[in-house]
Amino acid sequence: MDTPGNTRRVTGPFRPVPALPKPVVGLWAPAIVGTTAWLVALVVLLVTGADSTWTWTALAGGGLGCVGFGIIAWQTTASRHGSRGAQRDL
């Protein structure tokens, strides 16, 4: 019989999956990389005088990335404060 402190090791296809490291599942890194890419593209397009459609697209991408920063910060703060509607483990 198993005791509470002695857990069984499960082998085969039913092994528990380990949690991913925080940097891999973090939200800040992809948001920073994506927003930076859009803002660099905007600067390049402004310097080269490219078509206005691409310029507005890059501006929208950078702007939405900045909105994303606010949402990530908002959800992280709500999660830390224990809000019921917040996403967990951010």
C-alpha atoms as a PDB file:
ATOM      1  CA  MET A   1       0.000   0.000   0.000  1.00  0.00           C
ATOM      2  CA  ASP A   2       1.221   3.483  -0.831  1.00  0.00           C
ATOM      3  CA  THR A   3       1.817   6.028   1.876  1.00  0.00           C
ATOM      4  CA  PRO A   4       1.091   9.734   1.273  1.00  0.00           C
ATOM      5  CA  GLY A   5       4.790  10.631   1.107  1.00  0.00           C
ATOM      6  CA  ASN A   6       5.604   7.745  -1.220  1.00  0.00           C
ATOM      7  CA  THR A   7       4.188   8.443  -4.682  1.00  0.00           C
ATOM      8  CA  ARG A   8       4.325   5.914  -7.477  1.00  0.00           C
ATOM      9  CA  ARG A   9       6.482   6.575 -10.469  1.00  0.00           C
ATOM     10  CA  VAL A  10       4.347   6.312 -13.555  1.00  0.00           C
ATOM     11  CA  THR A  11       6.122   5.027 -16.629  1.00  0.00           C
ATOM     12  CA  GLY A  12       5.165   4.583 -20.222  1.00  0.00           C
ATOM     13  CA  PRO A  13       2.784   6.846 -22.124  1.00  0.00           C
ATOM     14  CA  PHE A  14       1.099   8.118 -18.937  1.00  0.00           C
ATOM     15  CA  ARG A  15       4.067   9.923 -17.405  1.00  0.00           C
ATOM     16  CA  PRO A  16       3.255  13.372 -16.011  1.00  0.00           C
ATOM     17  CA  VAL A  17       4.504  16.172 -18.228  1.00  0.00           C
ATOM     18  CA  PRO A  18       6.956  18.516 -16.486  1.00  0.00           C
ATOM     19  CA  ALA A  19       6.131  22.197 -16.357  1.00  0.00           C
ATOM     20  CA  LEU A  20       7.830  24.379 -18.951  1.00  0.00           C
ATOM     21  CA  PRO A  21      10.394  26.903 -17.708  1.00  0.00           C
ATOM     22  CA  LYS A  22       9.121  30.432 -17.109  1.00  0.00           C
ATOM     23  CA  PRO A  23      11.181  32.066 -19.905  1.00  0.00           C
ATOM     24  CA  VAL A  24       9.685  29.677 -22.458  1.00  0.00           C
ATOM     25  CA  VAL A  25       6.057  30.386 -21.563  1.00  0.00           C
ATOM     26  CA  GLY A  26       6.521  34.014 -20.580  1.00  0.00           C
ATOM     27  CA  LEU A  27       4.475  36.612 -22.419  1.00  0.00           C
ATOM     28  CA  TRP A  28       6.899  39.519 -22.342  1.00  0.00           C
ATOM     29  CA  ALA A  29       9.627  38.132 -24.625  1.00  0.00           C
ATOM     30  CA  PRO A  30       7.487  37.485 -27.738  1.00  0.00           C
ATOM     31  CA  ALA A  31       5.615  40.755 -27.236  1.00  0.00           C
ATOM     32  CA  ILE A  32       8.877  42.710 -27.025  1.00  0.00           C
ATOM     33  CA  VAL A  33      10.391  40.959 -30.056  1.00  0.00           C
ATOM     34  CA  GLY A  34       7.274  41.406 -32.189  1.00  0.00           C
ATOM     35  CA  THR A  35       6.720  45.047 -31.256  1.00  0.00           C
ATOM     36  CA  THR A  36      10.375  45.854 -31.811  1.00  0.00           C
ATOM     37  CA  ALA A  37      10.264  44.214 -35.240  1.00  0.00           C
ATOM     38  CA  TRP A  38       7.232  46.277 -36.253  1.00  0.00           C
ATOM     39  CA  LEU A  39       8.778  49.511 -34.972  1.00  0.00           C
ATOM     40  CA  VAL A  40      12.073  48.812 -36.782  1.00  0.00           C
ATOM     41  CA  ALA A  41      10.085  48.122 -39.951  1.00  0.00           C
ATOM     42  CA  LEU A  42       8.258  51.421 -39.458  1.00  0.00           C
ATOM     43  CA  VAL A  43      11.519  53.330 -39.162  1.00  0.00           C
ATOM     44  CA  VAL A  44      12.938  51.619 -42.258  1.00  0.00           C
ATOM     45  CA  LEU A  45       9.779  52.373 -44.222  1.00  0.00           C
ATOM     46  CA  LEU A  46       9.796  56.014 -43.147  1.00  0.00           C
ATOM     47  CA  VAL A  47      13.469  56.424 -44.080  1.00  0.00           C
ATOM     48  CA  THR A  48      13.048  54.782 -47.486  1.00  0.00           C
ATOM     49  CA  GLY A  49       9.791  56.591 -48.257  1.00  0.00           C
ATOM     50  CA  ALA A  50       7.906  53.381 -49.038  1.00  0.00           C
ATOM     51  CA  ASP A  51       4.242  52.982 -49.935  1.00  0.00           C
ATOM     52  CA  SER A  52       1.855  54.369 -47.348  1.00  0.00           C
ATOM     53  CA  THR A  53      -0.006  51.033 -46.964  1.00  0.00           C
ATOM     54  CA  TRP A  54       3.085  49.317 -45.555  1.00  0.00           C
ATOM     55  CA  THR A  55       3.872  52.311 -43.354  1.00  0.00           C
ATOM     56  CA  TRP A  56       0.405  52.253 -41.822  1.00  0.00           C
ATOM     57  CA  THR A  57       0.608  48.487 -41.374  1.00  0.00           C
ATOM     58  CA  ALA A  58       3.899  48.795 -39.484  1.00  0.00           C
ATOM     59  CA  LEU A  59       2.485  51.622 -37.385  1.00  0.00           C
ATOM     60  CA  ALA A  60      -0.563  49.511 -36.518  1.00  0.00           C
ATOM     61  CA  GLY A  61       1.665  46.542 -35.612  1.00  0.00           C
ATOM     62  CA  GLY A  62       3.775  48.664 -33.276  1.00  0.00           C
ATOM     63  CA  GLY A  63       0.701  50.281 -31.760  1.00  0.00           C
ATOM     64  CA  LEU A  64      -1.023  46.958 -31.134  1.00  0.00           C
ATOM     65  CA  GLY A  65       2.183  45.643 -29.577  1.00  0.00           C
ATOM     66  CA  CYS A  66       2.135  48.562 -27.132  1.00  0.00           C
ATOM     67  CA  VAL A  67      -1.517  47.796 -26.344  1.00  0.00           C
ATOM     68  CA  GLY A  68      -0.420  44.202 -25.736  1.00  0.00           C
ATOM     69  CA  PHE A  69       2.146  45.406 -23.172  1.00  0.00           C
ATOM     70  CA  GLY A  70      -0.643  47.092 -21.261  1.00  0.00           C
ATOM     71  CA  ILE A  71      -2.828  43.976 -21.343  1.00  0.00           C
ATOM     72  CA  ILE A  72       0.032  41.759 -20.167  1.00  0.00           C
ATOM     73  CA  ALA A  73       0.799  44.139 -17.306  1.00  0.00           C
ATOM     74  CA  TRP A  74      -2.880  44.360 -16.380  1.00  0.00           C
ATOM     75  CA  GLN A  75      -3.343  40.572 -16.327  1.00  0.00           C
ATOM     76  CA  THR A  76      -0.104  40.038 -14.390  1.00  0.00           C
ATOM     77  CA  THR A  77      -1.158  42.548 -11.728  1.00  0.00           C
ATOM     78  CA  ALA A  78      -4.646  41.043 -11.486  1.00  0.00           C
ATOM     79  CA  SER A  79      -3.160  37.556 -11.156  1.00  0.00           C
ATOM     80  CA  ARG A  80      -0.843  38.666  -8.363  1.00  0.00           C
ATOM     81  CA  HIS A  81      -3.732  40.267  -6.507  1.00  0.00           C
ATOM     82  CA  GLY A  82      -5.833  37.107  -6.813  1.00  0.00           C
ATOM     83  CA  SER A  83      -8.585  38.442  -9.039  1.00  0.00           C
ATOM     84  CA  ARG A  84     -11.105  35.759 -10.032  1.00  0.00           C
ATOM     85  CA  GLY A  85     -11.110  36.696 -13.717  1.00  0.00           C
ATOM     86  CA  ALA A  86      -7.354  36.931 -14.121  1.00  0.00           C
ATOM     87  CA  GLN A  87      -5.257  34.393 -15.967  1.00  0.00           C
ATOM     88  CA  ARG A  88      -3.124  32.350 -13.632  1.00  0.00           C
ATOM     89  CA  ASP A  89       0.648  31.788 -13.570  1.00  0.00           C
ATOM     90  CA  LEU A  90       1.657  34.817 -15.626  1.00  0.00           C
END
